[in-house]
Protein backbone atom coordinates (compact mmCIF):
# COMPACT_ATOMS: atom_id res chain seq x y z
CA MET A 1 0.45 14.60 12.76
CA SER A 2 2.61 14.09 9.72
CA ASN A 3 1.69 14.21 6.04
CA TYR A 4 2.30 11.31 3.67
CA ASN A 5 5.51 12.22 1.86
CA PRO A 6 7.67 9.19 0.88
CA THR A 7 11.42 9.55 0.53
CA SER A 8 12.81 9.53 -2.98
CA PRO A 9 14.60 7.49 -3.93
CA LEU A 10 12.61 4.98 -1.93
CA THR A 11 14.66 2.01 -0.72
CA GLY A 12 13.02 -1.21 -1.75
CA ALA A 13 12.77 -4.30 0.45
CA ALA A 14 14.76 -7.42 -0.23
CA GLN A 15 13.68 -9.68 -3.15
CA THR A 16 15.41 -12.67 -4.62
CA GLY A 17 17.72 -11.52 -7.42
CA PHE A 18 17.59 -7.82 -6.49
CA THR A 19 20.56 -5.93 -5.01
CA SER A 20 19.94 -2.66 -3.21
CA PRO A 21 16.74 -1.77 -5.15
CA THR A 22 15.70 1.85 -5.14
CA TYR A 23 12.77 3.66 -6.76
CA THR A 24 12.82 7.33 -7.74
CA LEU A 25 9.35 8.79 -7.14
CA SER A 26 7.73 11.69 -8.96
CA SER A 27 4.46 13.25 -7.92
CA ASP A 28 1.58 12.07 -10.05
CA VAL A 29 -2.21 12.68 -10.14
CA ALA A 30 -4.14 10.05 -8.19
CA PRO A 31 -7.20 8.50 -9.89
CA ASP A 32 -9.39 10.02 -7.15
CA SER A 33 -9.15 13.32 -5.31
CA ASN A 34 -8.75 11.64 -1.90
CA GLY A 35 -5.48 9.98 -2.90
CA ILE A 36 -1.85 10.99 -3.27
CA GLN A 37 0.05 9.17 -6.01
CA HIS A 38 3.67 8.84 -7.08
CA ALA A 39 5.06 7.26 -10.22
CA VAL A 40 8.33 5.30 -10.21
CA THR A 41 10.29 7.20 -12.82
CA ALA A 42 13.74 5.66 -12.34
CA LEU A 43 15.23 2.50 -10.85
CA GLY A 44 18.46 1.98 -8.89
CA GLY A 45 20.45 -1.00 -7.71
CA THR A 46 20.28 -4.31 -9.58
CA GLN A 47 16.77 -5.11 -10.86
CA THR A 48 17.38 -6.72 -14.21
CA GLY A 49 14.32 -6.65 -16.47
CA VAL A 50 12.33 -4.19 -14.33
CA ASP A 51 10.69 -1.21 -16.06
CA ALA A 52 10.04 2.25 -14.65
CA HIS A 53 6.62 3.83 -15.08
CA SER A 54 5.19 4.36 -18.57
CA VAL A 55 1.68 4.77 -19.95
CA SER A 56 1.58 1.21 -21.24
CA LYS A 57 3.34 -0.31 -18.22
CA PRO A 58 2.41 1.72 -15.11
CA PHE A 59 4.38 1.66 -11.90
CA THR A 60 2.59 3.83 -9.29
CA LEU A 61 2.08 3.94 -5.54
CA THR A 62 -1.13 5.51 -4.24
CA TRP A 63 -2.12 6.29 -0.65
CA VAL A 64 -5.91 6.74 -0.31
CA ARG A 65 -7.78 8.12 2.69
CA PRO A 66 -11.50 7.84 3.39
CA LYS A 67 -13.61 10.31 1.41
CA VAL A 68 -15.69 11.03 4.50
CA PHE A 69 -14.57 10.04 7.98
CA LYS A 70 -17.23 8.04 9.80
CA PRO A 71 -17.92 9.00 13.39
CA LEU A 72 -18.41 6.53 16.21
CA GLY A 73 -21.96 5.10 16.26
CA ARG A 74 -24.53 5.64 18.94
CA LEU A 75 -25.06 3.65 22.07
CA HIS A 76 -28.16 1.53 22.49
CA PRO A 77 -30.46 3.59 24.74
CA VAL A 78 -31.21 0.68 27.14
CA THR A 79 -28.04 -1.46 27.14
CA GLY A 80 -25.45 1.27 26.55
CA VAL A 81 -23.68 -1.01 24.05
CA LEU A 82 -22.47 0.17 20.67
CA THR A 83 -24.75 -1.46 18.10
CA GLN A 84 -22.57 -0.62 15.13
CA VAL A 85 -18.98 0.49 14.84
CA PRO A 86 -18.24 1.89 11.37
CA ARG A 87 -14.79 1.69 9.89
CA ASN A 88 -12.65 4.36 8.27
CA VAL A 89 -10.85 2.64 5.40
CA TRP A 90 -7.35 3.60 4.19
CA LYS A 91 -5.55 1.95 1.29
CA LEU A 92 -2.09 1.73 -0.15
CA ILE A 93 -2.27 0.59 -3.74
CA THR A 94 0.69 -0.33 -5.94
CA ARG A 95 0.04 -0.67 -9.64
CA LYS A 96 2.69 -2.34 -11.83
CA GLY A 97 2.44 -3.32 -15.48
CA VAL A 98 3.53 -6.94 -16.00
CA THR A 99 3.72 -9.17 -19.06
CA PRO A 100 1.41 -12.24 -18.81
CA LEU A 101 3.00 -13.96 -21.85
CA SER A 102 5.89 -12.98 -24.09
CA GLY A 103 4.62 -10.92 -27.04
CA GLN A 104 1.32 -10.11 -25.34
CA ALA A 105 0.09 -6.77 -24.05
CA ASP A 106 0.98 -5.80 -20.50
CA VAL A 107 -1.62 -6.15 -17.72
CA THR A 108 -1.67 -4.12 -14.53
CA MET A 109 -0.86 -6.05 -11.32
CA LEU A 110 -2.43 -4.68 -8.11
CA VAL A 111 -0.97 -4.88 -4.59
CA THR A 112 -3.36 -3.45 -2.00
CA THR A 113 -3.09 -3.08 1.74
CA THR A 114 -6.38 -2.07 3.30
CA ILE A 115 -6.45 -0.60 6.79
CA GLU A 116 -9.87 -0.56 8.44
CA VAL A 117 -9.79 1.56 11.62
CA PRO A 118 -12.92 1.28 13.78
CA ALA A 119 -14.38 4.72 14.33
CA GLY A 120 -13.43 6.08 17.73
CA ALA A 121 -10.35 3.89 18.11
CA ASP A 122 -8.18 6.71 16.70
CA THR A 123 -8.72 8.61 19.96
CA ALA A 124 -9.52 5.82 22.43
CA ASP A 125 -6.75 3.39 21.48
CA ALA A 126 -4.19 5.04 19.18
CA GLU A 127 -1.29 2.97 20.60
CA ASN A 128 -2.88 -0.31 19.60
CA ILE A 129 -3.58 0.98 16.08
CA ARG A 130 0.13 1.88 15.85
CA ALA A 131 1.09 -1.58 17.19
CA ALA A 132 -1.08 -3.33 14.60
CA LEU A 133 0.44 -1.35 11.76
CA SER A 134 3.95 -1.78 13.12
CA ALA A 135 3.49 -5.54 13.25
CA HIS A 136 1.77 -5.69 9.82
CA PHE A 137 4.38 -3.73 7.95
CA GLY A 138 7.19 -5.30 9.99
CA LEU A 139 6.03 -8.73 8.82
CA ILE A 140 5.85 -7.55 5.24
CA ALA A 141 9.36 -6.09 5.50
CA ASP A 142 10.65 -9.25 7.22
CA GLN A 143 9.08 -11.63 4.74
CA THR A 144 9.18 -9.54 1.54
CA ASP A 145 11.47 -11.95 -0.31
CA THR A 146 9.34 -14.94 0.78
CA LEU A 147 6.18 -13.14 -0.34
CA GLY A 148 7.83 -12.47 -3.72
CA ASP A 149 9.01 -16.05 -4.05
CA SER A 150 5.57 -17.41 -3.06
CA SER A 151 3.81 -15.07 -5.54
CA ILE A 152 5.93 -16.59 -8.30
CA SER A 153 6.16 -20.26 -7.18
CA GLY A 154 2.70 -20.65 -5.63
CA VAL A 155 4.27 -22.31 -2.63
CA LEU A 156 3.74 -20.99 0.93
């Protein structure tokens, strides 16, 4: 098992108008004790107009694990079927200060990926959990510029 420890500088994914974006990460204190947070303290490549982390314009990446892991539920005594399957929820949260209108105060944008792993699947079906995550993050990496363009234009 490996510990969450992103590479710094982190190589950013393709975005329209960016050339070889990189993000230098510095350890930061997460808002909650069950998270690990990094602040983007320096930028590399061509990212005209982008700001590194500051108090008034944050740029952080936070990986959050469940506070308490939920065990697999009980089987129904007659049918032998699971009546409830609780989920252990993981989150990756990116916070970035953005300007909603020139001359106005910055507002924090949130990008959240939530991973809900059914209790028990971690041991009974680890390979399919890995496949789901591989496909999910592969799609994000493959379509990152399209996701960025769509977030700006409103067009899918």
